[in-house]
Amino acid sequence: KLDAWGFVGMGLIIAAFLLARSPSWKSLRRPTPW
């Protein structure tokens, strides 16, 4: 259903946002300036 896909998309966006904010993700990718 469209609602189910929208919910999954929001979950992926939130997960990506949390991963981008976590310090472990920054230490994992050193070449990135931020």
PDB file of N, CA and C in Angstrom:
ATOM      1  N   LYS A   1       0.835  -1.203   0.000  1.00  0.00           N
ATOM      2  CA  LYS A   1       0.000   0.000   0.000  1.00  0.00           C
ATOM      3  C   LYS A   1       0.876   1.262   0.000  1.00  0.00           C
ATOM      4  N   LEU A   2       0.266   2.353  -0.395  1.00  0.00           N
ATOM      5  CA  LEU A   2       1.000   3.617  -0.426  1.00  0.00           C
ATOM      6  C   LEU A   2       1.390   4.038   0.996  1.00  0.00           C
ATOM      7  N   ASP A   3       0.473   3.841   1.956  1.00  0.00           N
ATOM      8  CA  ASP A   3       0.762   4.235   3.333  1.00  0.00           C
ATOM      9  C   ASP A   3       1.955   3.449   3.874  1.00  0.00           C
ATOM     10  N   ALA A   4       1.992   2.150   3.590  1.00  0.00           N
ATOM     11  CA  ALA A   4       3.094   1.318   4.097  1.00  0.00           C
ATOM     12  C   ALA A   4       4.425   1.802   3.525  1.00  0.00           C
ATOM     13  N   TRP A   5       4.455   2.089   2.229  1.00  0.00           N
ATOM     14  CA  TRP A   5       5.707   2.554   1.614  1.00  0.00           C
ATOM     15  C   TRP A   5       6.107   3.916   2.175  1.00  0.00           C
ATOM     16  N   GLY A   6       5.127   4.778   2.432  1.00  0.00           N
ATOM     17  CA  GLY A   6       5.443   6.087   3.003  1.00  0.00           C
ATOM     18  C   GLY A   6       6.045   5.938   4.394  1.00  0.00           C
ATOM     19  N   PHE A   7       5.497   4.996   5.177  1.00  0.00           N
ATOM     20  CA  PHE A   7       6.019   4.767   6.527  1.00  0.00           C
ATOM     21  C   PHE A   7       7.451   4.251   6.464  1.00  0.00           C
ATOM     22  N   VAL A   8       7.705   3.320   5.543  1.00  0.00           N
ATOM     23  CA  VAL A   8       9.063   2.770   5.388  1.00  0.00           C
ATOM     24  C   VAL A   8      10.029   3.875   4.949  1.00  0.00           C
ATOM     25  N   GLY A   9       9.576   4.731   4.038  1.00  0.00           N
ATOM     26  CA  GLY A   9      10.430   5.823   3.569  1.00  0.00           C
ATOM     27  C   GLY A   9      10.785   6.765   4.712  1.00  0.00           C
ATOM     28  N   MET A  10       9.806   7.103   5.551  1.00  0.00           N
ATOM     29  CA  MET A  10      10.083   7.976   6.693  1.00  0.00           C
ATOM     30  C   MET A  10      11.065   7.310   7.644  1.00  0.00           C
ATOM     31  N   GLY A  11      10.897   6.017   7.865  1.00  0.00           N
ATOM     32  CA  GLY A  11      11.808   5.283   8.758  1.00  0.00           C
ATOM     33  C   GLY A  11      13.232   5.320   8.226  1.00  0.00           C
ATOM     34  N   LEU A  12      13.378   5.143   6.915  1.00  0.00           N
ATOM     35  CA  LEU A  12      14.726   5.165   6.315  1.00  0.00           C
ATOM     36  C   LEU A  12      15.344   6.553   6.451  1.00  0.00           C
ATOM     37  N   ILE A  13      14.538   7.590   6.266  1.00  0.00           N
ATOM     38  CA  ILE A  13      15.057   8.958   6.376  1.00  0.00           C
ATOM     39  C   ILE A  13      15.512   9.231   7.808  1.00  0.00           C
ATOM     40  N   ILE A  14      14.706   8.808   8.790  1.00  0.00           N
ATOM     41  CA  ILE A  14      15.062   9.021  10.201  1.00  0.00           C
ATOM     42  C   ILE A  14      16.326   8.239  10.541  1.00  0.00           C
ATOM     43  N   ALA A  15      16.413   6.986  10.062  1.00  0.00           N
ATOM     44  CA  ALA A  15      17.597   6.160  10.341  1.00  0.00           C
ATOM     45  C   ALA A  15      18.839   6.809   9.730  1.00  0.00           C
ATOM     46  N   ALA A  16      18.719   7.307   8.498  1.00  0.00           N
ATOM     47  CA  ALA A  16      19.866   7.950   7.845  1.00  0.00           C
ATOM     48  C   ALA A  16      20.265   9.212   8.612  1.00  0.00           C
ATOM     49  N   PHE A  17      19.279   9.969   9.110  1.00  0.00           N
ATOM     50  CA  PHE A  17      19.569  11.192   9.866  1.00  0.00           C
ATOM     51  C   PHE A  17      20.319  10.867  11.155  1.00  0.00           C
ATOM     52  N   LEU A  18      19.856   9.816  11.869  1.00  0.00           N
ATOM     53  CA  LEU A  18      20.522   9.426  13.115  1.00  0.00           C
ATOM     54  C   LEU A  18      21.930   8.921  12.835  1.00  0.00           C
ATOM     55  N   LEU A  19      22.100   8.165  11.755  1.00  0.00           N
ATOM     56  CA  LEU A  19      23.437   7.646  11.410  1.00  0.00           C
ATOM     57  C   LEU A  19      24.370   8.804  11.067  1.00  0.00           C
ATOM     58  N   ALA A  20      23.859   9.804  10.353  1.00  0.00           N
ATOM     59  CA  ALA A  20      24.695  10.944   9.966  1.00  0.00           C
ATOM     60  C   ALA A  20      25.106  11.744  11.199  1.00  0.00           C
ATOM     61  N   ARG A  21      24.272  11.773  12.241  1.00  0.00           N
ATOM     62  CA  ARG A  21      24.585  12.550  13.448  1.00  0.00           C
ATOM     63  C   ARG A  21      25.500  11.800  14.398  1.00  0.00           C
ATOM     64  N   SER A  22      25.516  10.458  14.321  1.00  0.00           N
ATOM     65  CA  SER A  22      26.319   9.672  15.266  1.00  0.00           C
ATOM     66  C   SER A  22      27.813   9.891  15.025  1.00  0.00           C
ATOM     67  N   PRO A  23      28.607  10.076  16.076  1.00  0.00           N
ATOM     68  CA  PRO A  23      30.063  10.284  15.934  1.00  0.00           C
ATOM     69  C   PRO A  23      30.760   9.069  15.337  1.00  0.00           C
ATOM     70  N   SER A  24      30.238   7.867  15.599  1.00  0.00           N
ATOM     71  CA  SER A  24      30.868   6.652  15.067  1.00  0.00           C
ATOM     72  C   SER A  24      30.824   6.677  13.540  1.00  0.00           C
ATOM     73  N   TRP A  25      29.750   7.231  12.962  1.00  0.00           N
ATOM     74  CA  TRP A  25      29.647   7.323  11.502  1.00  0.00           C
ATOM     75  C   TRP A  25      30.700   8.298  10.971  1.00  0.00           C
ATOM     76  N   LYS A  26      30.955   9.394  11.716  1.00  0.00           N
ATOM     77  CA  LYS A  26      31.971  10.364  11.288  1.00  0.00           C
ATOM     78  C   LYS A  26      33.354   9.720  11.332  1.00  0.00           C
ATOM     79  N   SER A  27      33.649   8.971  12.386  1.00  0.00           N
ATOM     80  CA  SER A  27      34.961   8.326  12.499  1.00  0.00           C
ATOM     81  C   SER A  27      35.093   7.239  11.439  1.00  0.00           C
ATOM     82  N   LEU A  28      33.942   6.676  11.023  1.00  0.00           N
ATOM     83  CA  LEU A  28      33.980   5.612  10.012  1.00  0.00           C
ATOM     84  C   LEU A  28      34.411   6.203   8.663  1.00  0.00           C
ATOM     85  N   ARG A  29      33.909   7.398   8.354  1.00  0.00           N
ATOM     86  CA  ARG A  29      34.262   8.043   7.076  1.00  0.00           C
ATOM     87  C   ARG A  29      35.165   9.239   7.349  1.00  0.00           C
ATOM     88  N   ARG A  30      36.462   9.012   7.409  1.00  0.00           N
ATOM     89  CA  ARG A  30      37.388  10.104   7.722  1.00  0.00           C
ATOM     90  C   ARG A  30      37.547  11.105   6.572  1.00  0.00           C
ATOM     91  N   PRO A  31      37.571  10.672   5.298  1.00  0.00           N
ATOM     92  CA  PRO A  31      37.804  11.624   4.191  1.00  0.00           C
ATOM     93  C   PRO A  31      36.791  12.772   4.141  1.00  0.00           C
ATOM     94  N   THR A  32      35.586  12.573   4.662  1.00  0.00           N
ATOM     95  CA  THR A  32      34.568  13.631   4.591  1.00  0.00           C
ATOM     96  C   THR A  32      34.951  14.797   5.499  1.00  0.00           C
ATOM     97  N   PRO A  33      34.862  16.047   5.019  1.00  0.00           N
ATOM     98  CA  PRO A  33      35.234  17.229   5.822  1.00  0.00           C
ATOM     99  C   PRO A  33      34.361  17.393   7.055  1.00  0.00           C
ATOM    100  N   TRP A  34      33.067  16.990   6.933  1.00  0.00           N
ATOM    101  CA  TRP A  34      32.181  17.136   8.095  1.00  0.00           C
ATOM    102  C   TRP A  34      31.926  15.793   8.713  1.00  0.00           C
TER     103      TRP A  34
END
